[in-house]
Protein backbone atom coordinates (compact mmCIF):
# COMPACT_ATOMS: atom_id res chain seq x y z
CA MET A 1 0.22 -0.03 -0.01
CA PRO A 2 1.41 3.21 -0.82
CA GLU A 3 2.60 5.61 2.05
CA LEU A 4 0.12 8.32 3.18
CA MET A 5 1.92 11.66 2.61
CA PRO A 6 0.88 15.00 4.28
CA PRO A 7 -0.19 17.55 1.42
CA PRO A 8 0.10 21.26 1.51
CA LEU A 9 -1.21 22.96 4.57
CA ALA A 10 -3.77 25.74 4.37
CA LEU A 11 -5.75 28.00 7.13
CA TYR A 12 -9.59 28.99 7.10
CA ILE A 13 -10.78 31.52 9.50
CA HIS A 14 -14.40 31.84 9.62
CA ILE A 15 -16.18 35.26 10.51
CA PRO A 16 -19.92 34.33 11.19
CA TRP A 17 -21.75 37.64 10.95
CA CYS A 18 -23.01 39.58 8.17
CA VAL A 19 -25.26 42.60 8.06
CA LYS A 20 -28.49 40.23 6.89
CA LYS A 21 -28.70 36.71 5.86
CA CYS A 22 -29.55 36.19 2.11
CA PRO A 23 -32.53 33.94 1.15
CA TYR A 24 -30.35 31.37 -0.85
CA CYS A 25 -27.15 31.05 1.99
CA ASP A 26 -26.66 27.91 3.54
CA PHE A 27 -23.36 28.94 5.16
CA ASN A 28 -22.86 29.29 8.68
CA SER A 29 -23.89 33.18 8.74
CA HIS A 30 -25.74 35.07 11.44
CA GLY A 31 -27.27 38.52 11.02
CA GLN A 32 -25.59 41.44 13.02
CA LYS A 33 -27.27 42.31 15.88
CA GLY A 34 -25.80 45.24 17.80
CA GLU A 35 -22.35 45.81 18.06
CA LEU A 36 -19.87 42.85 17.19
CA PRO A 37 -17.78 41.07 20.00
CA VAL A 38 -14.58 41.55 17.98
CA ALA A 39 -12.39 41.03 20.97
CA GLU A 40 -13.86 38.15 22.42
CA TYR A 41 -14.01 36.58 18.97
CA ILE A 42 -10.20 37.12 18.22
CA ALA A 43 -9.56 35.61 21.95
CA ALA A 44 -11.52 32.48 21.07
CA LEU A 45 -9.76 31.95 17.61
CA THR A 46 -6.63 32.19 19.63
CA ARG A 47 -7.68 29.36 21.92
CA ASP A 48 -8.85 27.41 19.03
CA LEU A 49 -6.07 27.74 17.08
CA GLU A 50 -3.67 26.80 20.05
CA GLN A 51 -5.76 23.90 20.63
CA ASP A 52 -5.11 22.42 16.47
CA LEU A 53 -1.53 23.33 16.73
CA PRO A 54 -0.26 19.78 17.96
CA LEU A 55 -1.88 18.58 14.57
CA VAL A 56 0.39 20.52 12.42
CA TRP A 57 3.58 21.04 14.30
CA GLY A 58 6.43 22.01 12.01
CA ARG A 59 4.25 22.47 8.94
CA THR A 60 4.12 25.53 6.56
CA ILE A 61 0.73 27.59 5.96
CA SER A 62 0.57 27.96 2.00
CA SER A 63 -2.73 30.00 1.94
CA VAL A 64 -5.23 31.77 4.11
CA PHE A 65 -8.88 32.31 3.37
CA PHE A 66 -11.21 34.41 5.85
CA GLY A 67 -14.97 33.45 4.99
CA GLY A 68 -18.06 33.84 6.39
CA GLY A 69 -20.38 35.54 6.96
CA THR A 70 -18.78 38.82 5.93
CA PRO A 71 -15.46 38.68 7.15
CA SER A 72 -15.11 42.71 5.87
CA LEU A 73 -17.39 43.72 8.83
CA PHE A 74 -14.23 43.36 10.96
CA SER A 75 -11.65 46.32 10.61
CA GLY A 76 -8.47 46.11 8.92
CA ALA A 77 -7.00 46.51 12.30
CA ALA A 78 -8.87 43.61 13.65
CA ILE A 79 -8.01 41.57 10.64
CA GLY A 80 -4.58 42.36 11.24
CA ASP A 81 -4.73 41.21 14.69
CA ILE A 82 -5.89 37.75 13.45
CA LEU A 83 -3.13 37.58 10.91
CA GLY A 84 -0.56 38.70 13.71
CA MET A 85 -1.92 35.84 16.25
CA ALA A 86 -1.51 32.84 13.46
CA SER A 87 1.64 34.04 11.88
CA SER A 88 3.45 33.96 15.36
CA ARG A 89 2.16 30.53 15.80
CA LEU A 90 2.31 29.27 12.29
CA ARG A 91 5.16 29.36 9.49
CA PHE A 92 3.27 31.11 6.43
CA ALA A 93 5.08 30.41 3.41
CA PRO A 94 6.62 33.44 1.53
CA ASN A 95 4.04 35.13 -0.69
CA CYS A 96 1.56 33.47 1.00
CA GLU A 97 -2.12 34.14 -0.68
CA ILE A 98 -4.51 35.57 1.86
CA THR A 99 -7.95 36.31 0.89
CA MET A 100 -10.63 37.91 2.30
CA GLU A 101 -14.38 37.75 1.62
CA CYS A 102 -16.24 40.91 1.38
CA ASN A 103 -19.57 42.56 0.08
CA PRO A 104 -20.00 45.58 -1.77
CA GLY A 105 -22.00 47.52 0.63
CA THR A 106 -20.26 50.69 1.81
CA VAL A 107 -21.49 49.67 5.50
CA GLU A 108 -19.68 46.46 5.27
CA HIS A 109 -16.02 47.00 5.12
CA ASP A 110 -13.31 49.31 6.46
CA ARG A 111 -11.03 51.23 4.20
CA PHE A 112 -9.49 48.91 1.25
CA GLU A 113 -6.02 50.35 2.14
CA ASN A 114 -6.39 49.01 5.78
CA TYR A 115 -6.95 45.33 4.78
CA LEU A 116 -4.00 45.67 2.60
CA SER A 117 -1.74 46.81 5.22
CA ALA A 118 -3.26 44.09 7.66
CA GLY A 119 -1.76 41.61 4.95
CA VAL A 120 -4.29 40.69 2.98
CA ASN A 121 -3.54 40.37 -0.51
CA ARG A 122 -6.77 38.95 -2.28
CA LEU A 123 -10.23 39.98 -2.13
CA SER A 124 -13.30 38.00 -3.04
CA PHE A 125 -16.47 40.38 -3.59
CA GLY A 126 -19.85 38.69 -3.67
CA VAL A 127 -21.46 40.66 -6.58
CA GLN A 128 -23.59 37.98 -7.55
CA SER A 129 -25.34 40.15 -10.26
CA PHE A 130 -24.78 43.74 -11.71
CA ASP A 131 -28.75 43.68 -12.13
CA ASP A 132 -30.74 45.66 -9.55
CA GLY A 133 -33.60 43.73 -10.03
CA CYS A 134 -31.92 40.43 -9.71
CA LEU A 135 -30.09 41.82 -6.66
CA GLU A 136 -33.52 42.72 -4.99
CA ARG A 137 -34.84 39.17 -5.96
CA LEU A 138 -31.75 37.63 -4.42
CA GLY A 139 -32.39 39.71 -1.07
CA ARG A 140 -28.73 41.57 -1.53
CA ILE A 141 -28.85 44.75 0.39
CA HIS A 142 -26.39 46.28 -2.49
CA ASP A 143 -26.96 47.74 -6.01
CA ALA A 144 -25.10 47.43 -9.03
CA GLU A 145 -23.20 50.77 -8.42
CA ARG A 146 -22.04 50.16 -4.96
CA ALA A 147 -20.54 47.10 -6.53
CA ARG A 148 -18.66 48.80 -9.18
CA SER A 149 -17.54 51.56 -6.84
CA ALA A 150 -16.41 48.68 -4.45
CA VAL A 151 -14.44 47.02 -6.75
CA LYS A 152 -12.90 50.20 -8.27
CA ALA A 153 -12.06 51.35 -4.72
CA ALA A 154 -9.93 48.24 -4.04
CA GLN A 155 -8.04 48.61 -7.09
CA ASP A 156 -7.35 52.02 -6.41
CA ALA A 157 -5.97 51.12 -2.90
CA GLY A 158 -3.50 48.78 -4.65
CA PHE A 159 -5.55 45.62 -4.49
CA ALA A 160 -4.00 43.51 -7.76
CA ASN A 161 -5.68 40.04 -7.16
CA ILE A 162 -9.24 40.38 -6.99
CA ASN A 163 -12.15 37.81 -7.31
CA LEU A 164 -15.79 38.60 -8.44
CA ASP A 165 -18.61 35.94 -7.41
CA LEU A 166 -21.57 35.92 -10.15
CA MET A 167 -24.61 33.98 -9.92
CA TYR A 168 -26.63 32.87 -12.86
CA ALA A 169 -30.44 31.09 -13.55
CA LEU A 170 -31.58 33.60 -11.04
CA PRO A 171 -35.30 34.40 -10.63
CA GLU A 172 -36.53 35.92 -13.95
CA GLN A 173 -33.05 35.88 -15.34
CA THR A 174 -32.62 35.71 -19.24
CA LEU A 175 -29.70 34.77 -21.33
CA THR A 176 -29.12 37.91 -22.25
CA MET A 177 -29.24 39.48 -18.72
CA ALA A 178 -26.47 36.57 -17.54
CA LEU A 179 -24.37 37.72 -20.58
CA ALA A 180 -24.79 41.25 -19.38
CA ASP A 181 -23.54 40.31 -15.95
CA VAL A 182 -20.34 38.62 -17.28
CA GLU A 183 -19.74 41.81 -19.53
CA GLN A 184 -19.97 44.18 -16.69
CA ALA A 185 -17.47 41.95 -14.44
CA ILE A 186 -14.97 41.69 -17.31
CA ALA A 187 -15.37 45.43 -17.59
CA LEU A 188 -13.81 45.86 -14.18
CA ASN A 189 -10.93 43.61 -15.03
CA PRO A 190 -10.81 41.59 -12.04
CA GLN A 191 -8.26 38.63 -12.07
CA HIS A 192 -10.58 35.79 -11.28
CA LEU A 193 -14.32 35.10 -11.70
CA SER A 194 -16.24 32.77 -9.65
CA HIS A 195 -19.80 31.85 -11.61
CA TYR A 196 -22.25 29.74 -9.82
CA GLN A 197 -25.61 28.48 -10.79
CA LEU A 198 -28.61 29.43 -8.16
CA THR A 199 -29.33 26.15 -6.02
CA LEU A 200 -32.04 25.89 -3.39
CA GLU A 201 -30.00 24.61 -0.86
CA PRO A 202 -32.01 22.69 2.39
CA ASN A 203 -32.62 25.12 5.28
CA THR A 204 -32.79 28.34 3.29
CA LEU A 205 -35.52 30.49 2.90
CA PHE A 206 -35.33 29.99 -0.75
CA ALA A 207 -35.84 26.31 -0.34
CA ALA A 208 -38.84 26.51 1.83
CA LYS A 209 -40.60 29.43 -0.54
CA PRO A 210 -38.90 28.85 -3.73
CA PRO A 211 -38.97 32.08 -5.69
CA ALA A 212 -41.03 32.55 -8.80
CA GLY A 213 -39.52 32.73 -12.33
CA ILE A 214 -36.32 30.34 -11.69
CA PRO A 215 -34.99 29.48 -15.18
CA GLU A 216 -35.57 25.72 -16.55
CA MET A 217 -32.55 23.62 -16.67
CA ASP A 218 -31.95 23.77 -20.39
CA ASP A 219 -32.05 27.60 -19.90
CA ALA A 220 -29.61 27.51 -17.17
CA TRP A 221 -27.61 25.17 -19.35
CA ASP A 222 -27.56 28.08 -22.08
CA MET A 223 -26.38 30.66 -19.79
CA GLN A 224 -23.77 28.60 -18.45
CA GLU A 225 -22.43 27.69 -21.91
CA ALA A 226 -22.74 31.02 -23.37
CA CYS A 227 -21.11 32.94 -20.18
CA ILE A 228 -18.35 30.28 -20.23
CA ALA A 229 -17.64 31.36 -23.89
CA ARG A 230 -17.47 35.11 -23.13
CA MET A 231 -15.12 34.65 -20.31
CA ARG A 232 -12.93 32.38 -22.33
CA ASP A 233 -12.58 35.26 -25.13
CA ALA A 234 -11.98 37.66 -22.33
CA GLY A 235 -9.00 35.66 -21.25
CA TYR A 236 -10.69 33.87 -18.27
CA ALA A 237 -9.74 30.21 -18.48
CA GLN A 238 -12.08 27.88 -16.79
CA TYR A 239 -9.90 25.58 -14.32
CA GLU A 240 -12.81 23.96 -12.08
CA VAL A 241 -16.27 23.67 -12.39
CA SER A 242 -17.40 27.25 -11.40
CA ALA A 243 -13.55 29.12 -11.26
CA TYR A 244 -12.05 31.06 -14.28
CA ALA A 245 -8.99 32.78 -14.09
CA LYS A 246 -6.64 34.91 -15.97
CA ALA A 247 -3.00 33.38 -16.54
CA GLY A 248 -1.21 32.64 -13.31
CA LYS A 249 -4.34 33.71 -11.08
CA ARG A 250 -5.93 30.51 -9.91
CA CYS A 251 -6.79 30.51 -6.30
CA GLN A 252 -4.26 28.83 -4.51
CA HIS A 253 -6.53 28.20 -1.62
CA ASN A 254 -9.43 26.62 -3.45
CA LEU A 255 -7.05 24.66 -5.46
CA ASN A 256 -5.73 23.13 -2.35
CA TYR A 257 -9.12 21.88 -1.55
CA TRP A 258 -9.89 20.57 -5.13
CA THR A 259 -6.49 18.62 -4.84
CA TYR A 260 -7.28 17.19 -1.36
CA GLY A 261 -5.11 19.39 0.45
CA ASP A 262 -5.12 19.44 4.45
CA TYR A 263 -6.49 22.96 6.02
CA LEU A 264 -6.91 24.13 9.72
CA GLY A 265 -10.41 25.28 10.05
CA ILE A 266 -10.81 28.08 13.04
CA GLY A 267 -13.98 29.75 14.01
CA ALA A 268 -17.43 29.10 14.56
CA GLY A 269 -18.54 26.20 12.12
CA ALA A 270 -15.09 25.99 10.72
CA HIS A 271 -14.13 22.77 9.05
CA GLY A 272 -10.77 21.14 8.88
CA LYS A 273 -8.86 18.29 7.18
CA ILE A 274 -5.61 17.00 8.44
CA THR A 275 -3.28 14.09 7.22
CA SER A 276 -1.07 12.37 9.52
CA GLY A 277 1.69 10.33 7.69
CA GLU A 278 3.13 8.75 10.69
CA SER A 279 -0.47 7.35 11.86
CA GLY A 280 -1.81 6.88 8.44
CA ARG A 281 -5.11 8.68 9.41
CA ILE A 282 -7.16 11.48 7.71
CA LEU A 283 -8.77 13.52 10.23
CA ARG A 284 -11.75 15.74 9.66
CA ARG A 285 -12.83 18.17 12.44
CA TRP A 286 -15.32 20.95 12.96
CA LYS A 287 -16.12 23.51 15.41
CA PRO A 288 -19.52 24.46 16.90
CA LYS A 289 -21.93 26.64 14.82
CA ASN A 290 -23.41 28.97 17.01
CA PRO A 291 -20.83 32.07 17.60
CA ARG A 292 -21.78 32.37 21.13
CA ASP A 293 -21.19 28.77 22.14
CA PHE A 294 -17.79 28.76 20.00
CA MET A 295 -16.67 31.62 21.94
CA GLN A 296 -17.51 30.07 25.15
CA ALA A 297 -15.88 26.66 24.21
CA ALA A 298 -13.17 27.61 22.19
CA GLY A 299 -9.76 25.98 23.54
CA SER A 300 -11.72 23.26 25.68
CA GLY A 301 -12.93 20.05 24.88
CA SER A 302 -16.26 21.10 24.07
CA GLY A 303 -14.91 23.56 21.56
CA ILE A 304 -14.68 20.66 19.07
CA GLY A 305 -17.65 20.39 17.35
CA GLY A 306 -16.89 17.01 16.20
CA ASP A 307 -13.99 14.64 14.89
CA GLU A 308 -14.04 12.25 12.18
CA TYR A 309 -11.54 9.83 10.74
CA VAL A 310 -11.97 9.21 7.03
CA SER A 311 -11.65 5.80 6.74
CA PRO A 312 -9.60 3.70 3.64
CA GLU A 313 -12.94 2.71 2.04
CA ASN A 314 -14.24 6.32 2.07
CA ARG A 315 -11.05 7.99 0.95
CA PRO A 316 -11.80 7.22 -2.91
CA PHE A 317 -15.09 9.21 -2.83
CA ASP A 318 -13.35 12.00 -0.29
CA TYR A 319 -10.65 12.48 -2.96
CA MET A 320 -12.84 12.37 -6.06
CA LEU A 321 -15.66 14.53 -4.56
CA ASN A 322 -12.95 17.40 -4.66
CA ALA A 323 -10.59 16.37 -7.82
CA LEU A 324 -13.26 15.78 -10.27
CA ARG A 325 -14.14 19.47 -10.03
CA LEU A 326 -11.07 20.04 -12.06
CA VAL A 327 -11.03 20.65 -15.71
CA ASP A 328 -7.41 19.30 -16.02
CA GLY A 329 -8.00 16.63 -13.82
CA PHE A 330 -5.58 14.62 -11.61
CA SER A 331 -2.87 12.23 -11.27
CA LEU A 332 -3.04 8.64 -10.21
CA ARG A 333 0.38 9.00 -8.32
CA ASP A 334 -1.24 12.01 -6.61
CA PHE A 335 -4.17 9.69 -5.60
CA GLU A 336 -1.92 7.25 -3.91
CA PHE A 337 0.18 9.72 -2.32
CA ARG A 338 -2.78 11.80 -0.62
CA THR A 339 -5.35 8.91 0.29
CA GLY A 340 -2.72 5.76 1.02
CA LEU A 341 -4.65 3.50 -1.38
CA GLY A 342 -3.55 1.72 -4.39
CA CYS A 343 -5.08 2.56 -7.91
CA GLU A 344 -6.57 -0.75 -8.03
CA ALA A 345 -8.97 0.56 -5.19
CA ILE A 346 -10.48 2.57 -7.93
CA ALA A 347 -9.96 0.75 -11.00
CA PRO A 348 -13.48 -0.62 -11.71
CA GLN A 349 -15.19 2.84 -11.34
CA LEU A 350 -12.44 4.58 -13.52
CA ASN A 351 -13.21 1.87 -16.23
CA GLU A 352 -17.05 2.58 -16.16
CA ALA A 353 -16.32 6.39 -16.16
CA VAL A 354 -14.26 5.76 -19.19
CA GLN A 355 -16.73 3.62 -20.80
CA ARG A 356 -19.74 5.98 -20.29
CA GLY A 357 -17.54 8.92 -21.80
CA TRP A 358 -16.97 10.75 -18.65
CA LEU A 359 -13.44 10.25 -18.13
CA GLU A 360 -10.16 10.11 -20.39
CA ILE A 361 -6.72 8.37 -18.92
CA SER A 362 -3.66 8.84 -20.61
CA GLY A 363 -0.61 7.16 -18.73
CA ASP A 364 -0.87 8.48 -14.95
CA TRP A 365 -3.00 11.33 -15.73
CA VAL A 366 -6.97 11.17 -15.39
CA LYS A 367 -9.00 14.08 -16.95
CA PRO A 368 -12.95 14.60 -17.31
CA THR A 369 -14.07 14.98 -20.66
CA GLU A 370 -16.46 17.94 -21.57
CA LEU A 371 -19.57 15.33 -20.99
CA GLY A 372 -17.78 14.43 -17.72
CA MET A 373 -17.66 18.05 -16.68
CA ARG A 374 -21.16 18.74 -17.34
CA PHE A 375 -22.46 15.50 -15.26
CA ALA A 376 -19.60 15.83 -12.61
CA ASN A 377 -21.93 14.78 -9.83
CA ASP A 378 -22.74 11.27 -11.48
CA VAL A 379 -19.35 10.72 -12.08
CA MET A 380 -18.48 11.37 -8.30
CA GLY A 381 -21.50 9.26 -7.50
CA LEU A 382 -19.10 6.10 -9.15
CA PHE A 383 -16.84 6.27 -6.36
CA LEU A 384 -19.44 6.39 -3.10
CA ARG A 385 -18.91 2.86 -1.43
């Protein structure tokens, strides 16, 4: 059996508050009520990280990602305090990619110069659409002009690595409207675009009360194909199901997820994955979701929401759930190193996927076909136990 090799390690930091929870959002986010307990939360993050440190002694952090919620509700000074706390306890790689999610509303962020000074070098804006009607139907609190202004302000502040999140197949959206969103995003010249289809996730308001006018699946597919073509023509190459980047600007943090890398997760509801070459085990750990519960328990035994080891029989699906999102695919050698399993563990599923026209195999390399990318969930499903 191949040796299980620890992969690159990233750090995820969850900030759970937002001004208002969107009706489609299933992330661990909580509407802001009064003044945020910033100092208390940073102290809890510190205890949380210190409790997890023995899992990763001696390893280097390749990327950092502030997710939420809306991390930009914290000031630049507070983000700097968190990064200072983390970098004093962990070794950050030179030129470490440090991303912060932010919303375009003016009440939802500090001056961008302050985030840059704090150490953030990549921003991800949750724009979703440049159509005011679509934004209103999505429950967003910003409008198109605020989105454009926020992106330009970040660029003027010196940010040279920016992602814009866009959604398509929105209520009452047409193909023309979806393409117009992409055109306006391209005009802002970001380095990266994320382009997601609206889905009605369980335990969201939209799932309980679906909005009227959601496009049919065939119409959504037409939007996706047309938008991909337009982004490609503008120099944004697709490298993952929903991710498009200019040359050299792929998101390193998300690539680490998709290539089955390791990551520490700190903060309310944060998840982590840690590989131990010595024990031959892969640990998944998560933290309590409620911010108040997290702040009270962080650093103690009850500050760990749960621990689960990924059994060898579950590792093929766990790996493929990520790797098969990538347009370029993966190497069989990488599969062996990151799961500790031989290729024979997935040979029947690979053969079936090839026969169905979903995958191509050339030597050591496995790559989804265009049909396989379209039916990615079906391909991944082959690897379930």
